[in-house]
C-alpha atoms as a PDB file:
ATOM      1  CA  MET A   1     -11.473 -70.848 -23.727  1.00  0.00           C
ATOM      2  CA  ILE A   2     -10.874 -74.558 -24.123  1.00  0.00           C
ATOM      3  CA  ALA A   3     -11.312 -75.521 -27.784  1.00  0.00           C
ATOM      4  CA  TYR A   4     -11.184 -79.305 -27.476  1.00  0.00           C
ATOM      5  CA  VAL A   5     -10.288 -82.183 -25.197  1.00  0.00           C
ATOM      6  CA  THR A   6      -8.788 -85.452 -26.431  1.00  0.00           C
ATOM      7  CA  VAL A   7      -8.516 -88.746 -24.571  1.00  0.00           C
ATOM      8  CA  GLY A   8      -6.666 -91.776 -25.836  1.00  0.00           C
ATOM      9  CA  ALA A   9      -8.330 -95.146 -26.239  1.00  0.00           C
ATOM     10  CA  ASP A  10      -6.989 -98.550 -27.212  1.00  0.00           C
ATOM     11  CA  ASP A  11     -10.458 -99.913 -28.016  1.00  0.00           C
ATOM     12  CA  ILE A  12     -12.381 -97.296 -30.010  1.00  0.00           C
ATOM     13  CA  ALA A  13     -15.517 -99.463 -30.293  1.00  0.00           C
ATOM     14  CA  ARG A  14     -15.692 -99.852 -26.509  1.00  0.00           C
ATOM     15  CA  ALA A  15     -15.089 -96.127 -26.035  1.00  0.00           C
ATOM     16  CA  LYS A  16     -17.871 -95.368 -28.528  1.00  0.00           C
ATOM     17  CA  THR A  17     -20.314 -97.514 -26.539  1.00  0.00           C
ATOM     18  CA  PHE A  18     -19.391 -95.677 -23.333  1.00  0.00           C
ATOM     19  CA  TYR A  19     -19.409 -92.076 -24.603  1.00  0.00           C
ATOM     20  CA  SER A  20     -22.448 -92.560 -26.837  1.00  0.00           C
ATOM     21  CA  ALA A  21     -24.399 -93.612 -23.744  1.00  0.00           C
ATOM     22  CA  PHE A  22     -24.459 -90.011 -22.493  1.00  0.00           C
ATOM     23  CA  LEU A  23     -22.914 -87.431 -24.829  1.00  0.00           C
ATOM     24  CA  PRO A  24     -25.829 -87.381 -27.323  1.00  0.00           C
ATOM     25  CA  ALA A  25     -28.168 -86.524 -24.415  1.00  0.00           C
ATOM     26  CA  LEU A  26     -25.952 -83.479 -23.806  1.00  0.00           C
ATOM     27  CA  LYS A  27     -26.437 -82.508 -27.482  1.00  0.00           C
ATOM     28  CA  TYR A  28     -23.044 -83.745 -28.725  1.00  0.00           C
ATOM     29  CA  GLU A  29     -23.108 -85.213 -32.228  1.00  0.00           C
ATOM     30  CA  LEU A  30     -20.717 -88.009 -33.213  1.00  0.00           C
ATOM     31  CA  THR A  31     -18.569 -88.133 -36.315  1.00  0.00           C
ATOM     32  CA  GLU A  32     -16.462 -91.254 -36.821  1.00  0.00           C
ATOM     33  CA  GLY A  33     -13.399 -91.638 -38.963  1.00  0.00           C
ATOM     34  CA  PRO A  34     -10.245 -93.710 -39.218  1.00  0.00           C
ATOM     35  CA  GLU A  35      -8.668 -91.308 -36.705  1.00  0.00           C
ATOM     36  CA  GLY A  36     -11.284 -92.085 -34.023  1.00  0.00           C
ATOM     37  CA  LEU A  37     -14.369 -90.412 -32.580  1.00  0.00           C
ATOM     38  CA  SER A  38     -15.224 -86.727 -32.711  1.00  0.00           C
ATOM     39  CA  TYR A  39     -18.066 -85.390 -30.551  1.00  0.00           C
ATOM     40  CA  ALA A  40     -19.107 -81.803 -31.244  1.00  0.00           C
ATOM     41  CA  LEU A  41     -22.027 -79.558 -30.414  1.00  0.00           C
ATOM     42  CA  PRO A  42     -24.097 -78.702 -33.488  1.00  0.00           C
ATOM     43  CA  VAL A  43     -23.725 -75.241 -35.000  1.00  0.00           C
ATOM     44  CA  GLU A  44     -26.547 -73.526 -36.863  1.00  0.00           C
ATOM     45  CA  PRO A  45     -25.700 -71.449 -39.956  1.00  0.00           C
ATOM     46  CA  GLY A  46     -24.422 -68.050 -38.839  1.00  0.00           C
ATOM     47  CA  GLN A  47     -23.888 -69.246 -35.261  1.00  0.00           C
ATOM     48  CA  SER A  48     -20.509 -69.111 -33.546  1.00  0.00           C
ATOM     49  CA  LEU A  49     -18.746 -72.386 -32.902  1.00  0.00           C
ATOM     50  CA  LEU A  50     -19.826 -74.074 -29.644  1.00  0.00           C
ATOM     51  CA  LEU A  51     -16.852 -75.391 -27.711  1.00  0.00           C
ATOM     52  CA  PRO A  52     -15.271 -77.548 -26.522  1.00  0.00           C
ATOM     53  CA  ASP A  53     -15.219 -80.488 -28.897  1.00  0.00           C
ATOM     54  CA  PHE A  54     -14.401 -83.881 -27.406  1.00  0.00           C
ATOM     55  CA  TYR A  55     -12.226 -86.436 -29.213  1.00  0.00           C
ATOM     56  CA  VAL A  56     -11.480 -90.086 -28.511  1.00  0.00           C
ATOM     57  CA  LYS A  57      -8.479 -91.232 -30.519  1.00  0.00           C
ATOM     58  CA  PRO A  58      -5.822 -93.910 -30.672  1.00  0.00           C
ATOM     59  CA  THR A  59      -2.530 -92.576 -29.352  1.00  0.00           C
ATOM     60  CA  PHE A  60      -0.272 -90.811 -31.866  1.00  0.00           C
ATOM     61  CA  ASP A  61       2.845 -92.654 -30.686  1.00  0.00           C
ATOM     62  CA  ALA A  62       1.111 -96.083 -30.915  1.00  0.00           C
ATOM     63  CA  ARG A  63       1.915 -96.863 -27.273  1.00  0.00           C
ATOM     64  CA  PRO A  64      -0.951 -97.932 -24.998  1.00  0.00           C
ATOM     65  CA  ALA A  65      -3.333 -95.175 -23.942  1.00  0.00           C
ATOM     66  CA  SER A  66      -3.364 -94.294 -20.256  1.00  0.00           C
ATOM     67  CA  ALA A  67      -5.420 -92.052 -18.000  1.00  0.00           C
ATOM     68  CA  GLY A  68      -3.753 -88.976 -16.551  1.00  0.00           C
ATOM     69  CA  ASN A  69      -3.349 -88.981 -12.780  1.00  0.00           C
ATOM     70  CA  GLY A  70      -5.360 -86.006 -11.553  1.00  0.00           C
ATOM     71  CA  THR A  71      -6.967 -85.408 -14.949  1.00  0.00           C
ATOM     72  CA  MET A  72     -10.764 -85.229 -15.087  1.00  0.00           C
ATOM     73  CA  ILE A  73     -13.204 -84.116 -17.762  1.00  0.00           C
ATOM     74  CA  ALA A  74     -16.564 -82.705 -16.660  1.00  0.00           C
ATOM     75  CA  PHE A  75     -19.757 -82.549 -18.706  1.00  0.00           C
ATOM     76  CA  GLU A  76     -22.649 -80.370 -17.562  1.00  0.00           C
ATOM     77  CA  GLY A  77     -26.167 -81.720 -17.475  1.00  0.00           C
ATOM     78  CA  VAL A  78     -29.364 -79.719 -17.132  1.00  0.00           C
ATOM     79  CA  THR A  79     -30.937 -81.396 -14.088  1.00  0.00           C
ATOM     80  CA  GLN A  80     -30.013 -83.652 -11.208  1.00  0.00           C
ATOM     81  CA  LYS A  81     -32.222 -86.376 -12.718  1.00  0.00           C
ATOM     82  CA  GLN A  82     -30.330 -86.124 -15.999  1.00  0.00           C
ATOM     83  CA  VAL A  83     -27.042 -86.519 -14.118  1.00  0.00           C
ATOM     84  CA  ARG A  84     -28.384 -89.657 -12.390  1.00  0.00           C
ATOM     85  CA  ASP A  85     -29.763 -91.082 -15.642  1.00  0.00           C
ATOM     86  CA  LEU A  86     -26.590 -90.408 -17.635  1.00  0.00           C
ATOM     87  CA  HIS A  87     -24.358 -91.761 -14.868  1.00  0.00           C
ATOM     88  CA  ALA A  88     -26.411 -94.986 -14.865  1.00  0.00           C
ATOM     89  CA  ALA A  89     -26.313 -95.189 -18.677  1.00  0.00           C
ATOM     90  CA  ALA A  90     -22.540 -94.718 -18.716  1.00  0.00           C
ATOM     91  CA  LEU A  91     -22.096 -97.485 -16.118  1.00  0.00           C
ATOM     92  CA  GLU A  92     -24.311 -99.768 -18.181  1.00  0.00           C
ATOM     93  CA  ALA A  93     -22.171 -98.933 -21.228  1.00  0.00           C
ATOM     94  CA  GLY A  94     -18.935-100.166 -19.643  1.00  0.00           C
ATOM     95  CA  GLY A  95     -17.895 -97.386 -17.283  1.00  0.00           C
ATOM     96  CA  SER A  96     -16.958 -97.893 -13.642  1.00  0.00           C
ATOM     97  CA  ASP A  97     -18.289 -95.926 -10.696  1.00  0.00           C
ATOM     98  CA  GLU A  98     -16.034 -93.353  -9.029  1.00  0.00           C
ATOM     99  CA  GLY A  99     -18.768 -91.728  -6.940  1.00  0.00           C
ATOM    100  CA  GLN A 100     -22.535 -91.928  -7.168  1.00  0.00           C
ATOM    101  CA  PRO A 101     -24.400 -88.746  -8.107  1.00  0.00           C
ATOM    102  CA  GLY A 102     -25.120 -86.466  -5.207  1.00  0.00           C
ATOM    103  CA  PHE A 103     -24.017 -83.387  -3.340  1.00  0.00           C
ATOM    104  CA  ARG A 104     -20.530 -83.138  -1.855  1.00  0.00           C
ATOM    105  CA  ALA A 105     -19.915 -81.214   1.353  1.00  0.00           C
ATOM    106  CA  SER A 106     -16.807 -79.515  -0.039  1.00  0.00           C
ATOM    107  CA  TYR A 107     -18.599 -78.096  -3.125  1.00  0.00           C
ATOM    108  CA  GLY A 108     -21.183 -75.355  -3.496  1.00  0.00           C
ATOM    109  CA  PRO A 109     -24.742 -76.071  -2.342  1.00  0.00           C
ATOM    110  CA  GLN A 110     -26.111 -76.412  -5.928  1.00  0.00           C
ATOM    111  CA  PHE A 111     -23.276 -78.572  -7.321  1.00  0.00           C
ATOM    112  CA  TYR A 112     -24.723 -82.059  -7.921  1.00  0.00           C
ATOM    113  CA  VAL A 113     -22.136 -84.452  -9.374  1.00  0.00           C
ATOM    114  CA  GLY A 114     -21.427 -88.095 -10.180  1.00  0.00           C
ATOM    115  CA  TYR A 115     -18.052 -89.550 -11.153  1.00  0.00           C
ATOM    116  CA  LEU A 116     -17.066 -92.420 -13.443  1.00  0.00           C
ATOM    117  CA  ARG A 117     -14.142 -93.906 -15.282  1.00  0.00           C
ATOM    118  CA  ASP A 118     -14.379 -94.691 -18.969  1.00  0.00           C
ATOM    119  CA  PRO A 119     -13.200 -98.134 -20.175  1.00  0.00           C
ATOM    120  CA  GLN A 120      -9.665 -96.763 -20.627  1.00  0.00           C
ATOM    121  CA  GLY A 121      -9.577 -95.364 -17.070  1.00  0.00           C
ATOM    122  CA  ASN A 122     -10.142 -91.658 -17.805  1.00  0.00           C
ATOM    123  CA  LYS A 123     -12.066 -89.907 -15.029  1.00  0.00           C
ATOM    124  CA  ILE A 124     -15.334 -88.286 -16.076  1.00  0.00           C
ATOM    125  CA  ALA A 125     -17.653 -86.042 -14.062  1.00  0.00           C
ATOM    126  CA  LEU A 126     -21.314 -85.443 -14.885  1.00  0.00           C
ATOM    127  CA  PHE A 127     -22.746 -82.480 -12.996  1.00  0.00           C
ATOM    128  CA  SER A 128     -25.609 -80.035 -12.694  1.00  0.00           C
ATOM    129  CA  SER A 129     -25.711 -76.788 -10.774  1.00  0.00           C
ATOM    130  CA  ASN A 130     -29.250 -75.822 -11.726  1.00  0.00           C
ATOM    131  CA  PRO A 131     -30.397 -72.989  -9.416  1.00  0.00           C
ATOM    132  CA  ASN A 132     -34.029 -74.012  -9.950  1.00  0.00           C
ATOM    133  CA  GLU A 133     -33.564 -77.356  -8.188  1.00  0.00           C
ATOM    134  CA  PRO A 134     -33.206 -78.085  -4.473  1.00  0.00           C
ATOM    135  CA  GLY A 135     -29.675 -77.653  -3.210  1.00  0.00           C
ATOM    136  CA  ARG A 136     -27.649 -79.613  -0.719  1.00  0.00           C
ATOM    137  CA  ASP A 137     -29.115 -77.699   2.224  1.00  0.00           C
ATOM    138  CA  GLY A 138     -32.664 -77.485   0.921  1.00  0.00           C
END
């Protein structure tokens, strides 16, 4: 199981604007500190930890942050409409489009996905594979 994902950012305020445009809608709560941004799913008393956490931090070696070639982080939405809405919100919050939400021929018939880049260049996917919604062929 993946416990957490961390991306580097040179401009934490800009990253906060971008990620806060969609992560709260996916139930992630933000904690800020001098070490950066921590987004985590809330845990009720007695409940097991919900993973993964997502961190946005300055780099540890103080060199400029960079996006990994071939690296992508995917967040699951509940509906296709939510994917469209969150993709639009993330673009409005400083992201760049890497593929409008929709079905892709090479993926399963229920996999509805949109792609973006955060302000630092990290690739982000927002997807839904809700079996109660129309699929690619339906």
